[in-house]
C-alpha atoms as a PDB file:
ATOM      1  CA  MET A   1      13.869  -4.166  18.661  1.00  0.00           C
ATOM      2  CA  LYS A   2      10.527  -5.629  17.708  1.00  0.00           C
ATOM      3  CA  ILE A   3       8.881  -3.236  15.271  1.00  0.00           C
ATOM      4  CA  LEU A   4       5.416  -3.229  13.730  1.00  0.00           C
ATOM      5  CA  VAL A   5       5.402  -1.945  10.150  1.00  0.00           C
ATOM      6  CA  THR A   6       1.901  -1.395   8.816  1.00  0.00           C
ATOM      7  CA  GLY A   7       1.499  -1.334   5.047  1.00  0.00           C
ATOM      8  CA  ALA A   8       4.413  -3.777   4.811  1.00  0.00           C
ATOM      9  CA  ALA A   9       3.344  -4.996   1.360  1.00  0.00           C
ATOM     10  CA  GLY A  10       3.237  -1.409   0.158  1.00  0.00           C
ATOM     11  CA  PHE A  11       5.890   0.544  -1.694  1.00  0.00           C
ATOM     12  CA  ILE A  12       7.529   2.391   1.204  1.00  0.00           C
ATOM     13  CA  GLY A  13       6.591  -0.244   3.783  1.00  0.00           C
ATOM     14  CA  SER A  14       8.358  -3.105   2.007  1.00  0.00           C
ATOM     15  CA  HIS A  15      11.551  -1.071   1.520  1.00  0.00           C
ATOM     16  CA  THR A  16      11.456   0.043   5.169  1.00  0.00           C
ATOM     17  CA  SER A  17      10.979  -3.519   6.407  1.00  0.00           C
ATOM     18  CA  LEU A  18      13.953  -4.735   4.352  1.00  0.00           C
ATOM     19  CA  LEU A  19      16.276  -2.137   5.867  1.00  0.00           C
ATOM     20  CA  LEU A  20      15.087  -2.844   9.414  1.00  0.00           C
ATOM     21  CA  LEU A  21      15.685  -6.569   8.889  1.00  0.00           C
ATOM     22  CA  ALA A  22      19.126  -5.885   7.423  1.00  0.00           C
ATOM     23  CA  ARG A  23      20.173  -4.103  10.598  1.00  0.00           C
ATOM     24  CA  GLY A  24      18.894  -6.905  12.835  1.00  0.00           C
ATOM     25  CA  ASP A  25      15.461  -5.787  14.007  1.00  0.00           C
ATOM     26  CA  THR A  26      12.497  -8.130  14.269  1.00  0.00           C
ATOM     27  CA  VAL A  27       9.681  -6.959  12.000  1.00  0.00           C
ATOM     28  CA  VAL A  28       6.014  -7.841  12.120  1.00  0.00           C
ATOM     29  CA  GLY A  29       4.620  -6.677   8.793  1.00  0.00           C
ATOM     30  CA  LEU A  30       0.905  -5.935   8.571  1.00  0.00           C
ATOM     31  CA  ASP A  31      -1.127  -5.380   5.405  1.00  0.00           C
ATOM     32  CA  ASN A  32      -4.708  -6.011   4.283  1.00  0.00           C
ATOM     33  CA  LEU A  33      -3.597  -6.674   0.672  1.00  0.00           C
ATOM     34  CA  ASN A  34      -6.531  -4.697  -0.740  1.00  0.00           C
ATOM     35  CA  ASP A  35      -7.100  -4.400  -4.459  1.00  0.00           C
ATOM     36  CA  TYR A  36      -6.666  -0.616  -4.811  1.00  0.00           C
ATOM     37  CA  TYR A  37      -3.898  -1.677  -7.207  1.00  0.00           C
ATOM     38  CA  ASP A  38      -2.371  -4.946  -8.428  1.00  0.00           C
ATOM     39  CA  VAL A  39      -2.320  -7.402  -5.513  1.00  0.00           C
ATOM     40  CA  GLN A  40       0.347  -9.515  -7.245  1.00  0.00           C
ATOM     41  CA  LEU A  41       2.794  -6.616  -6.984  1.00  0.00           C
ATOM     42  CA  LYS A  42       2.143  -6.499  -3.232  1.00  0.00           C
ATOM     43  CA  LEU A  43       2.658 -10.260  -2.927  1.00  0.00           C
ATOM     44  CA  ASP A  44       5.924 -10.030  -4.856  1.00  0.00           C
ATOM     45  CA  ARG A  45       7.147  -7.272  -2.531  1.00  0.00           C
ATOM     46  CA  LEU A  46       6.279  -9.499   0.428  1.00  0.00           C
ATOM     47  CA  ALA A  47       8.179 -12.382  -1.168  1.00  0.00           C
ATOM     48  CA  ARG A  48      11.373 -10.356  -0.698  1.00  0.00           C
ATOM     49  CA  LEU A  49      10.673 -10.165   3.054  1.00  0.00           C
ATOM     50  CA  THR A  50       9.361 -13.606   3.969  1.00  0.00           C
ATOM     51  CA  PRO A  51      12.711 -15.470   3.639  1.00  0.00           C
ATOM     52  CA  HIS A  52      14.040 -13.439   6.604  1.00  0.00           C
ATOM     53  CA  GLU A  53      13.770 -15.386   9.857  1.00  0.00           C
ATOM     54  CA  ASN A  54      13.070 -12.158  11.764  1.00  0.00           C
ATOM     55  CA  PHE A  55      10.051 -11.272   9.613  1.00  0.00           C
ATOM     56  CA  ARG A  56       6.465 -12.351  10.146  1.00  0.00           C
ATOM     57  CA  PHE A  57       3.522 -11.271   8.016  1.00  0.00           C
ATOM     58  CA  VAL A  58       0.058 -10.617   9.426  1.00  0.00           C
ATOM     59  CA  LYS A  59      -2.849 -10.103   7.035  1.00  0.00           C
ATOM     60  CA  LEU A  60      -5.061  -7.630   8.862  1.00  0.00           C
ATOM     61  CA  ASP A  61      -6.858  -4.356   8.221  1.00  0.00           C
ATOM     62  CA  VAL A  62      -5.865  -1.509  10.550  1.00  0.00           C
ATOM     63  CA  ALA A  63      -9.568  -0.589  10.696  1.00  0.00           C
ATOM     64  CA  ASP A  64     -10.307  -3.977  12.358  1.00  0.00           C
ATOM     65  CA  ARG A  65     -10.527  -2.812  15.959  1.00  0.00           C
ATOM     66  CA  GLU A  66     -10.643  -6.194  17.680  1.00  0.00           C
ATOM     67  CA  GLY A  67      -7.905  -7.620  15.464  1.00  0.00           C
ATOM     68  CA  MET A  68      -5.617  -4.672  16.151  1.00  0.00           C
ATOM     69  CA  GLU A  69      -6.223  -4.819  19.907  1.00  0.00           C
ATOM     70  CA  LYS A  70      -5.326  -8.518  19.914  1.00  0.00           C
ATOM     71  CA  LEU A  71      -2.204  -7.989  17.787  1.00  0.00           C
ATOM     72  CA  PHE A  72      -0.811  -5.250  20.032  1.00  0.00           C
ATOM     73  CA  ALA A  73      -1.610  -7.166  23.222  1.00  0.00           C
ATOM     74  CA  GLU A  74       0.081 -10.343  22.003  1.00  0.00           C
ATOM     75  CA  GLU A  75       3.146  -8.888  20.298  1.00  0.00           C
ATOM     76  CA  LYS A  76       4.216  -6.078  22.689  1.00  0.00           C
ATOM     77  CA  PHE A  77       5.995  -4.009  20.047  1.00  0.00           C
ATOM     78  CA  ASP A  78       8.861  -1.729  21.051  1.00  0.00           C
ATOM     79  CA  LYS A  79       8.137   0.761  18.260  1.00  0.00           C
ATOM     80  CA  VAL A  80       5.642   1.223  15.419  1.00  0.00           C
ATOM     81  CA  ILE A  81       6.038   2.546  11.876  1.00  0.00           C
ATOM     82  CA  HIS A  82       2.544   3.222  10.551  1.00  0.00           C
ATOM     83  CA  LEU A  83       2.515   3.464   6.752  1.00  0.00           C
ATOM     84  CA  ALA A  84      -0.785   1.715   5.973  1.00  0.00           C
ATOM     85  CA  ALA A  85      -3.365   4.080   4.514  1.00  0.00           C
ATOM     86  CA  GLN A  86      -5.783   4.516   1.682  1.00  0.00           C
ATOM     87  CA  ALA A  87      -3.512   6.390  -0.677  1.00  0.00           C
ATOM     88  CA  GLY A  88      -4.144   8.590  -3.693  1.00  0.00           C
ATOM     89  CA  VAL A  89      -5.516  12.109  -4.008  1.00  0.00           C
ATOM     90  CA  ARG A  90      -7.661  11.458  -7.076  1.00  0.00           C
ATOM     91  CA  TYR A  91      -9.286   8.286  -5.735  1.00  0.00           C
ATOM     92  CA  SER A  92     -10.418  10.248  -2.672  1.00  0.00           C
ATOM     93  CA  LEU A  93     -12.802  12.176  -4.933  1.00  0.00           C
ATOM     94  CA  VAL A  94     -14.446   8.913  -5.969  1.00  0.00           C
ATOM     95  CA  ASN A  95     -14.457   6.872  -2.744  1.00  0.00           C
ATOM     96  CA  PRO A  96     -14.065   9.203   0.262  1.00  0.00           C
ATOM     97  CA  HIS A  97     -15.447   6.653   2.743  1.00  0.00           C
ATOM     98  CA  ALA A  98     -12.395   4.418   2.192  1.00  0.00           C
ATOM     99  CA  TYR A  99     -10.216   7.229   3.547  1.00  0.00           C
ATOM    100  CA  ILE A 100     -12.265   7.646   6.713  1.00  0.00           C
ATOM    101  CA  GLU A 101     -12.211   3.901   7.434  1.00  0.00           C
ATOM    102  CA  SER A 102      -8.505   3.360   6.812  1.00  0.00           C
ATOM    103  CA  ASN A 103      -6.902   6.716   7.572  1.00  0.00           C
ATOM    104  CA  ILE A 104      -9.069   7.835  10.500  1.00  0.00           C
ATOM    105  CA  SER A 105     -10.523   4.707  12.145  1.00  0.00           C
ATOM    106  CA  GLY A 106      -7.375   2.743  11.341  1.00  0.00           C
ATOM    107  CA  PHE A 107      -5.129   5.419  12.816  1.00  0.00           C
ATOM    108  CA  MET A 108      -7.296   5.513  15.946  1.00  0.00           C
ATOM    109  CA  ASN A 109      -6.656   1.799  16.411  1.00  0.00           C
ATOM    110  CA  ILE A 110      -2.904   2.352  16.019  1.00  0.00           C
ATOM    111  CA  LEU A 111      -2.922   5.112  18.653  1.00  0.00           C
ATOM    112  CA  GLU A 112      -4.927   2.993  21.082  1.00  0.00           C
ATOM    113  CA  GLY A 113      -2.632   0.001  20.550  1.00  0.00           C
ATOM    114  CA  CYS A 114       0.436   2.136  21.226  1.00  0.00           C
ATOM    115  CA  ARG A 115      -1.145   3.776  24.287  1.00  0.00           C
ATOM    116  CA  HIS A 116      -2.222   0.579  26.017  1.00  0.00           C
ATOM    117  CA  ASN A 117       0.932  -1.426  25.272  1.00  0.00           C
ATOM    118  CA  LYS A 118       3.661   1.058  26.186  1.00  0.00           C
ATOM    119  CA  VAL A 119       5.049   1.538  22.668  1.00  0.00           C
ATOM    120  CA  GLN A 120       8.199   3.675  22.902  1.00  0.00           C
ATOM    121  CA  HIS A 121       7.713   5.658  19.658  1.00  0.00           C
ATOM    122  CA  LEU A 122       5.130   5.878  16.892  1.00  0.00           C
ATOM    123  CA  VAL A 123       6.334   7.136  13.506  1.00  0.00           C
ATOM    124  CA  TYR A 124       3.518   7.615  11.008  1.00  0.00           C
ATOM    125  CA  ALA A 125       3.054   8.752   7.430  1.00  0.00           C
ATOM    126  CA  SER A 126       1.580  12.169   6.902  1.00  0.00           C
ATOM    127  CA  SER A 127       1.770  13.826   3.473  1.00  0.00           C
ATOM    128  CA  SER A 128       2.842  16.937   1.610  1.00  0.00           C
ATOM    129  CA  SER A 129      -0.799  17.159   0.545  1.00  0.00           C
ATOM    130  CA  VAL A 130      -1.612  18.762   3.930  1.00  0.00           C
ATOM    131  CA  TYR A 131      -0.187  22.014   2.532  1.00  0.00           C
ATOM    132  CA  GLY A 132      -3.210  22.175   0.221  1.00  0.00           C
ATOM    133  CA  GLY A 133      -3.448  25.385  -1.745  1.00  0.00           C
ATOM    134  CA  ASN A 134      -0.427  27.024  -0.078  1.00  0.00           C
ATOM    135  CA  THR A 135       1.721  28.975  -2.541  1.00  0.00           C
ATOM    136  CA  LYS A 136       4.653  30.075  -0.327  1.00  0.00           C
ATOM    137  CA  MET A 137       7.628  27.900  -1.251  1.00  0.00           C
ATOM    138  CA  PRO A 138       9.319  25.883   0.093  1.00  0.00           C
ATOM    139  CA  PHE A 139       6.690  24.390   2.391  1.00  0.00           C
ATOM    140  CA  ALA A 140       7.819  24.569   6.027  1.00  0.00           C
ATOM    141  CA  GLU A 141       6.405  22.733   9.024  1.00  0.00           C
ATOM    142  CA  CYS A 142       5.531  26.016  10.722  1.00  0.00           C
ATOM    143  CA  ASP A 143       3.210  26.992   7.836  1.00  0.00           C
ATOM    144  CA  SER A 144      -0.568  26.842   8.208  1.00  0.00           C
ATOM    145  CA  VAL A 145      -2.079  23.606   6.891  1.00  0.00           C
ATOM    146  CA  ASP A 146      -5.724  24.478   7.440  1.00  0.00           C
ATOM    147  CA  HIS A 147      -6.834  24.514   3.789  1.00  0.00           C
ATOM    148  CA  PRO A 148      -6.688  20.959   2.368  1.00  0.00           C
ATOM    149  CA  VAL A 149      -7.921  20.468  -1.201  1.00  0.00           C
ATOM    150  CA  SER A 150      -8.714  16.723  -1.047  1.00  0.00           C
ATOM    151  CA  MET A 151     -10.226  14.311   1.455  1.00  0.00           C
ATOM    152  CA  TYR A 152      -6.919  12.418   1.437  1.00  0.00           C
ATOM    153  CA  ALA A 153      -5.140  15.580   2.620  1.00  0.00           C
ATOM    154  CA  ALA A 154      -7.797  16.214   5.255  1.00  0.00           C
ATOM    155  CA  THR A 155      -7.326  12.721   6.729  1.00  0.00           C
ATOM    156  CA  LYS A 156      -3.552  13.210   6.935  1.00  0.00           C
ATOM    157  CA  LYS A 157      -3.986  16.549   8.702  1.00  0.00           C
ATOM    158  CA  ALA A 158      -6.435  14.804  11.055  1.00  0.00           C
ATOM    159  CA  ASN A 159      -3.801  12.148  11.819  1.00  0.00           C
ATOM    160  CA  GLU A 160      -1.393  14.847  12.991  1.00  0.00           C
ATOM    161  CA  LEU A 161      -4.063  16.321  15.287  1.00  0.00           C
ATOM    162  CA  MET A 162      -4.985  12.901  16.668  1.00  0.00           C
ATOM    163  CA  ALA A 163      -1.329  12.083  17.306  1.00  0.00           C
ATOM    164  CA  HIS A 164      -0.815  15.321  19.218  1.00  0.00           C
ATOM    165  CA  THR A 165      -3.817  14.528  21.407  1.00  0.00           C
ATOM    166  CA  TYR A 166      -2.288  11.183  22.406  1.00  0.00           C
ATOM    167  CA  SER A 167       1.148  12.713  22.935  1.00  0.00           C
ATOM    168  CA  HIS A 168      -0.439  15.338  25.198  1.00  0.00           C
ATOM    169  CA  LEU A 169      -2.859  13.128  27.131  1.00  0.00           C
ATOM    170  CA  PHE A 170      -0.838   9.922  27.472  1.00  0.00           C
ATOM    171  CA  GLY A 171       2.799  10.946  26.893  1.00  0.00           C
ATOM    172  CA  LEU A 172       2.981   8.776  23.749  1.00  0.00           C
ATOM    173  CA  PRO A 173       5.951   9.927  21.624  1.00  0.00           C
ATOM    174  CA  THR A 174       4.695  10.456  18.055  1.00  0.00           C
ATOM    175  CA  THR A 175       6.433  11.732  14.930  1.00  0.00           C
ATOM    176  CA  GLY A 176       4.629  12.460  11.675  1.00  0.00           C
ATOM    177  CA  LEU A 177       6.526  12.513   8.385  1.00  0.00           C
ATOM    178  CA  ARG A 178       5.089  14.561   5.518  1.00  0.00           C
ATOM    179  CA  PHE A 179       6.186  12.556   2.474  1.00  0.00           C
ATOM    180  CA  PHE A 180       6.847  14.390  -0.792  1.00  0.00           C
ATOM    181  CA  THR A 181       6.200  12.355  -3.998  1.00  0.00           C
ATOM    182  CA  VAL A 182       8.180   9.163  -3.367  1.00  0.00           C
ATOM    183  CA  TYR A 183       9.360   7.167  -6.402  1.00  0.00           C
ATOM    184  CA  GLY A 184      11.636   4.241  -7.221  1.00  0.00           C
ATOM    185  CA  PRO A 185      11.709   0.472  -7.883  1.00  0.00           C
ATOM    186  CA  TRP A 186       8.645  -1.478  -6.700  1.00  0.00           C
ATOM    187  CA  GLY A 187       6.633   1.764  -6.850  1.00  0.00           C
ATOM    188  CA  ARG A 188       2.870   2.165  -7.013  1.00  0.00           C
ATOM    189  CA  PRO A 189       1.141   1.688 -10.390  1.00  0.00           C
ATOM    190  CA  ASP A 190      -1.055   4.762  -9.834  1.00  0.00           C
ATOM    191  CA  MET A 191       1.936   7.113  -9.584  1.00  0.00           C
ATOM    192  CA  ALA A 192       3.147   9.277 -12.468  1.00  0.00           C
ATOM    193  CA  LEU A 193       6.518   7.561 -12.981  1.00  0.00           C
ATOM    194  CA  PHE A 194       4.900   4.130 -13.271  1.00  0.00           C
ATOM    195  CA  LEU A 195       2.070   5.351 -15.531  1.00  0.00           C
ATOM    196  CA  PHE A 196       4.420   7.298 -17.811  1.00  0.00           C
ATOM    197  CA  THR A 197       6.989   4.507 -18.134  1.00  0.00           C
ATOM    198  CA  LYS A 198       4.309   1.908 -18.920  1.00  0.00           C
ATOM    199  CA  ALA A 199       2.618   4.117 -21.520  1.00  0.00           C
ATOM    200  CA  ILE A 200       5.851   5.125 -23.276  1.00  0.00           C
ATOM    201  CA  LEU A 201       7.048   1.518 -23.502  1.00  0.00           C
ATOM    202  CA  GLU A 202       3.648   0.461 -24.876  1.00  0.00           C
ATOM    203  CA  GLY A 203       3.579   3.314 -27.396  1.00  0.00           C
ATOM    204  CA  ARG A 204       0.545   5.009 -25.812  1.00  0.00           C
ATOM    205  CA  PRO A 205       0.207   8.750 -25.118  1.00  0.00           C
ATOM    206  CA  ILE A 206       0.654  10.094 -21.564  1.00  0.00           C
ATOM    207  CA  ASP A 207      -1.697  12.544 -19.845  1.00  0.00           C
ATOM    208  CA  VAL A 208       0.208  15.660 -18.749  1.00  0.00           C
ATOM    209  CA  PHE A 209      -1.883  17.682 -16.322  1.00  0.00           C
ATOM    210  CA  ASN A 210      -1.918  21.458 -15.888  1.00  0.00           C
ATOM    211  CA  HIS A 211      -0.415  21.564 -19.400  1.00  0.00           C
ATOM    212  CA  GLY A 212       2.917  20.466 -17.933  1.00  0.00           C
ATOM    213  CA  LYS A 213       3.184  23.425 -15.558  1.00  0.00           C
ATOM    214  CA  MET A 214       3.757  21.254 -12.497  1.00  0.00           C
ATOM    215  CA  LYS A 215       6.622  20.907 -10.043  1.00  0.00           C
ATOM    216  CA  ARG A 216       7.156  18.052  -7.631  1.00  0.00           C
ATOM    217  CA  ASP A 217       9.732  17.412  -4.936  1.00  0.00           C
ATOM    218  CA  PHE A 218      10.391  13.875  -6.198  1.00  0.00           C
ATOM    219  CA  THR A 219      12.140  11.839  -3.485  1.00  0.00           C
ATOM    220  CA  TYR A 220      13.855   8.504  -4.111  1.00  0.00           C
ATOM    221  CA  VAL A 221      12.575   5.642  -1.969  1.00  0.00           C
ATOM    222  CA  ASP A 222      15.977   4.653  -0.525  1.00  0.00           C
ATOM    223  CA  ASP A 223      16.439   8.212   0.747  1.00  0.00           C
ATOM    224  CA  ILE A 224      12.944   8.197   2.255  1.00  0.00           C
ATOM    225  CA  VAL A 225      13.526   4.902   4.048  1.00  0.00           C
ATOM    226  CA  GLN A 226      16.799   6.129   5.533  1.00  0.00           C
ATOM    227  CA  GLY A 227      14.896   9.152   6.831  1.00  0.00           C
ATOM    228  CA  VAL A 228      12.077   7.031   8.267  1.00  0.00           C
ATOM    229  CA  ILE A 229      14.479   4.834  10.221  1.00  0.00           C
ATOM    230  CA  LYS A 230      16.626   7.764  11.407  1.00  0.00           C
ATOM    231  CA  THR A 231      13.390   9.314  12.678  1.00  0.00           C
ATOM    232  CA  LEU A 232      12.375   6.093  14.420  1.00  0.00           C
ATOM    233  CA  ASP A 233      15.718   6.137  16.245  1.00  0.00           C
ATOM    234  CA  HIS A 234      15.249   9.752  17.403  1.00  0.00           C
ATOM    235  CA  THR A 235      12.243   9.501  19.701  1.00  0.00           C
ATOM    236  CA  ALA A 236       9.999  12.551  19.820  1.00  0.00           C
ATOM    237  CA  GLU A 237      10.512  14.744  22.870  1.00  0.00           C
ATOM    238  CA  PRO A 238       8.809  17.826  24.283  1.00  0.00           C
ATOM    239  CA  ASP A 239      10.220  21.023  22.763  1.00  0.00           C
ATOM    240  CA  ALA A 240      11.899  23.029  25.537  1.00  0.00           C
ATOM    241  CA  THR A 241      11.549  26.194  23.424  1.00  0.00           C
ATOM    242  CA  TYR A 242       7.835  25.705  22.702  1.00  0.00           C
ATOM    243  CA  ASN A 243       5.860  28.903  23.297  1.00  0.00           C
ATOM    244  CA  ALA A 244       2.116  28.475  23.752  1.00  0.00           C
ATOM    245  CA  ASP A 245       1.611  32.211  23.106  1.00  0.00           C
ATOM    246  CA  ALA A 246       3.032  31.737  19.596  1.00  0.00           C
ATOM    247  CA  PRO A 247       2.719  27.995  18.971  1.00  0.00           C
ATOM    248  CA  ASN A 248       4.790  26.199  16.358  1.00  0.00           C
ATOM    249  CA  PRO A 249       2.419  23.559  14.882  1.00  0.00           C
ATOM    250  CA  SER A 250       5.267  21.108  14.267  1.00  0.00           C
ATOM    251  CA  THR A 251       6.375  20.791  17.901  1.00  0.00           C
ATOM    252  CA  SER A 252       4.765  20.884  21.335  1.00  0.00           C
ATOM    253  CA  ASN A 253       5.322  20.783  25.066  1.00  0.00           C
ATOM    254  CA  ALA A 254       4.250  17.135  24.584  1.00  0.00           C
ATOM    255  CA  PRO A 255       6.497  14.474  22.937  1.00  0.00           C
ATOM    256  CA  PHE A 256       5.223  15.309  19.450  1.00  0.00           C
ATOM    257  CA  ARG A 257       6.972  16.206  16.197  1.00  0.00           C
ATOM    258  CA  VAL A 258       6.049  16.710  12.557  1.00  0.00           C
ATOM    259  CA  PHE A 259       8.681  16.866   9.803  1.00  0.00           C
ATOM    260  CA  ASN A 260       8.840  17.300   6.052  1.00  0.00           C
ATOM    261  CA  ILE A 261      10.723  14.497   4.335  1.00  0.00           C
ATOM    262  CA  GLY A 262      11.530  15.290   0.727  1.00  0.00           C
ATOM    263  CA  ASN A 263      14.288  15.947  -1.765  1.00  0.00           C
ATOM    264  CA  ASN A 264      14.405  19.719  -1.103  1.00  0.00           C
ATOM    265  CA  ASN A 265      14.759  20.186  -4.871  1.00  0.00           C
ATOM    266  CA  PRO A 266      11.544  20.492  -6.924  1.00  0.00           C
ATOM    267  CA  VAL A 267      11.677  19.273 -10.522  1.00  0.00           C
ATOM    268  CA  GLU A 268       9.594  20.570 -13.431  1.00  0.00           C
ATOM    269  CA  LEU A 269       7.205  17.882 -14.682  1.00  0.00           C
ATOM    270  CA  MET A 270       8.461  18.284 -18.252  1.00  0.00           C
ATOM    271  CA  SER A 271      12.052  17.708 -17.065  1.00  0.00           C
ATOM    272  CA  PHE A 272      10.877  14.636 -15.158  1.00  0.00           C
ATOM    273  CA  ILE A 273       9.224  13.275 -18.326  1.00  0.00           C
ATOM    274  CA  GLU A 274      12.389  14.000 -20.323  1.00  0.00           C
ATOM    275  CA  ALA A 275      14.418  11.977 -17.816  1.00  0.00           C
ATOM    276  CA  ILE A 276      11.988   9.060 -18.250  1.00  0.00           C
ATOM    277  CA  GLU A 277      12.265   9.345 -22.045  1.00  0.00           C
ATOM    278  CA  ASN A 278      16.066   9.240 -21.758  1.00  0.00           C
ATOM    279  CA  ALA A 279      15.973   6.186 -19.481  1.00  0.00           C
ATOM    280  CA  VAL A 280      13.461   4.350 -21.685  1.00  0.00           C
ATOM    281  CA  GLY A 281      15.144   5.445 -24.930  1.00  0.00           C
ATOM    282  CA  LYS A 282      11.904   6.600 -26.504  1.00  0.00           C
ATOM    283  CA  LYS A 283       9.966   9.865 -26.803  1.00  0.00           C
ATOM    284  CA  ALA A 284       6.524  10.219 -25.240  1.00  0.00           C
ATOM    285  CA  GLU A 285       3.407  11.341 -27.059  1.00  0.00           C
ATOM    286  CA  LYS A 286       1.774  13.864 -24.726  1.00  0.00           C
ATOM    287  CA  ASN A 287      -1.868  14.779 -24.066  1.00  0.00           C
ATOM    288  CA  PHE A 288      -1.828  18.181 -22.365  1.00  0.00           C
ATOM    289  CA  MET A 289      -4.723  18.532 -19.944  1.00  0.00           C
ATOM    290  CA  PRO A 290      -5.993  20.965 -17.259  1.00  0.00           C
ATOM    291  CA  LEU A 291      -5.196  20.636 -13.552  1.00  0.00           C
ATOM    292  CA  GLN A 292      -7.262  17.914 -11.903  1.00  0.00           C
ATOM    293  CA  ASP A 293      -9.539  18.557  -8.925  1.00  0.00           C
ATOM    294  CA  GLY A 294      -7.700  17.948  -5.653  1.00  0.00           C
ATOM    295  CA  ASP A 295      -4.276  18.356  -7.265  1.00  0.00           C
ATOM    296  CA  VAL A 296      -1.787  21.172  -6.654  1.00  0.00           C
ATOM    297  CA  PRO A 297       0.613  22.777  -9.161  1.00  0.00           C
ATOM    298  CA  ALA A 298       3.764  22.536  -7.033  1.00  0.00           C
ATOM    299  CA  THR A 299       5.335  20.930  -3.972  1.00  0.00           C
ATOM    300  CA  TYR A 300       8.696  21.828  -2.432  1.00  0.00           C
ATOM    301  CA  ALA A 301       9.953  20.596   0.931  1.00  0.00           C
ATOM    302  CA  ASN A 302      12.014  22.570   3.387  1.00  0.00           C
ATOM    303  CA  THR A 303      13.793  19.713   5.195  1.00  0.00           C
ATOM    304  CA  ASP A 304      16.021  21.763   7.521  1.00  0.00           C
ATOM    305  CA  ALA A 305      14.156  20.610  10.636  1.00  0.00           C
ATOM    306  CA  LEU A 306      14.501  16.891   9.858  1.00  0.00           C
ATOM    307  CA  ASN A 307      18.156  17.386   8.955  1.00  0.00           C
ATOM    308  CA  ALA A 308      18.789  19.088  12.302  1.00  0.00           C
ATOM    309  CA  TRP A 309      16.884  16.394  14.223  1.00  0.00           C
ATOM    310  CA  THR A 310      18.237  13.259  12.487  1.00  0.00           C
ATOM    311  CA  GLY A 311      20.946  14.236   9.984  1.00  0.00           C
ATOM    312  CA  PHE A 312      18.658  13.317   7.068  1.00  0.00           C
ATOM    313  CA  VAL A 313      20.150  14.340   3.702  1.00  0.00           C
ATOM    314  CA  PRO A 314      18.656  12.941   0.455  1.00  0.00           C
ATOM    315  CA  ALA A 315      21.406  11.697  -1.845  1.00  0.00           C
ATOM    316  CA  THR A 316      19.824  10.429  -5.084  1.00  0.00           C
ATOM    317  CA  PRO A 317      19.545  12.723  -8.144  1.00  0.00           C
ATOM    318  CA  VAL A 318      16.253  12.340 -10.011  1.00  0.00           C
ATOM    319  CA  PRO A 319      17.784  11.041 -13.303  1.00  0.00           C
ATOM    320  CA  VAL A 320      19.633   8.334 -11.341  1.00  0.00           C
ATOM    321  CA  GLY A 321      16.496   7.302  -9.459  1.00  0.00           C
ATOM    322  CA  ILE A 322      14.419   7.219 -12.636  1.00  0.00           C
ATOM    323  CA  GLY A 323      17.060   5.081 -14.339  1.00  0.00           C
ATOM    324  CA  ARG A 324      16.869   2.572 -11.481  1.00  0.00           C
ATOM    325  CA  PHE A 325      13.078   2.489 -11.676  1.00  0.00           C
ATOM    326  CA  VAL A 326      13.041   1.888 -15.440  1.00  0.00           C
ATOM    327  CA  GLU A 327      15.632  -0.867 -15.033  1.00  0.00           C
ATOM    328  CA  TRP A 328      13.446  -2.517 -12.362  1.00  0.00           C
ATOM    329  CA  TYR A 329      10.290  -2.086 -14.489  1.00  0.00           C
ATOM    330  CA  ARG A 330      11.875  -3.736 -17.533  1.00  0.00           C
ATOM    331  CA  SER A 331      13.113  -6.625 -15.394  1.00  0.00           C
ATOM    332  CA  TYR A 332       9.900  -7.124 -13.400  1.00  0.00           C
ATOM    333  CA  TYR A 333       7.528  -6.941 -16.386  1.00  0.00           C
ATOM    334  CA  LYS A 334      10.046  -8.517 -18.803  1.00  0.00           C
ATOM    335  CA  VAL A 335       9.817  -5.622 -21.261  1.00  0.00           C
END
């Protein structure tokens, strides 16, 4: 198949593109290479993809309406994996307009491209952040997600609503994946694992929010990518059991699905830090701080629905995944 992967120079996008290429698909990788974090890291991720004869890179912003229309019309993609977005909960407090441009306008352009060019299936990145202030654990797709606590979360919830509209009006099969704290080699520098590892190796203290009373459903990137591609291969269909009198928000009588994709095993932040210390071989000096605005104390994914739909089962224990990240970090930064 010919597949468009947006955010192909990103963390999840580059890993996803590699696996698609390895199985023989043709991949057009799109990215705007913005400077939200180190552009060189993005270029080095791309350098792992460009030697493949079935890969082509397009530098383009998903918010560029004319550029996106032209790309879809010329390429005639079979399927689309949309991972490009303005990421980061905390940054959304500082620069909310970036999230509207990329995550709302950009997603609109993706939907329109898919609609007008007969794309067979759109798989897109939602986020565990849509669960907002929910306290019932684990988070399930049938739970209410009407109380976001950051603009980032609000844009991801909006993406799900927009996707359903296109599934309903135009029969476009769409599947949203609510990612839960993805980590691993080639990860983002603004994520906790990267920040903690860098600080510990440099002998600087780490900031531990909510005084360490945090839980995250840390999910290793290889597991995530397997789930993304399994989902791509299981095209969304109308739910024959859907009941409009008691609607399940994760399915529909249109070809629309939303799934959690996580490790189904939340880890205490202090245990996560201990695993990093063990992998690095050095103790961290810790600054204990209050919970940040827009952040939540815990995430925990119920992944039963995705398992039933695709057979997705995460397989990487957190200490193993952290060890692989630290090994990559030392090699990449020559530490």
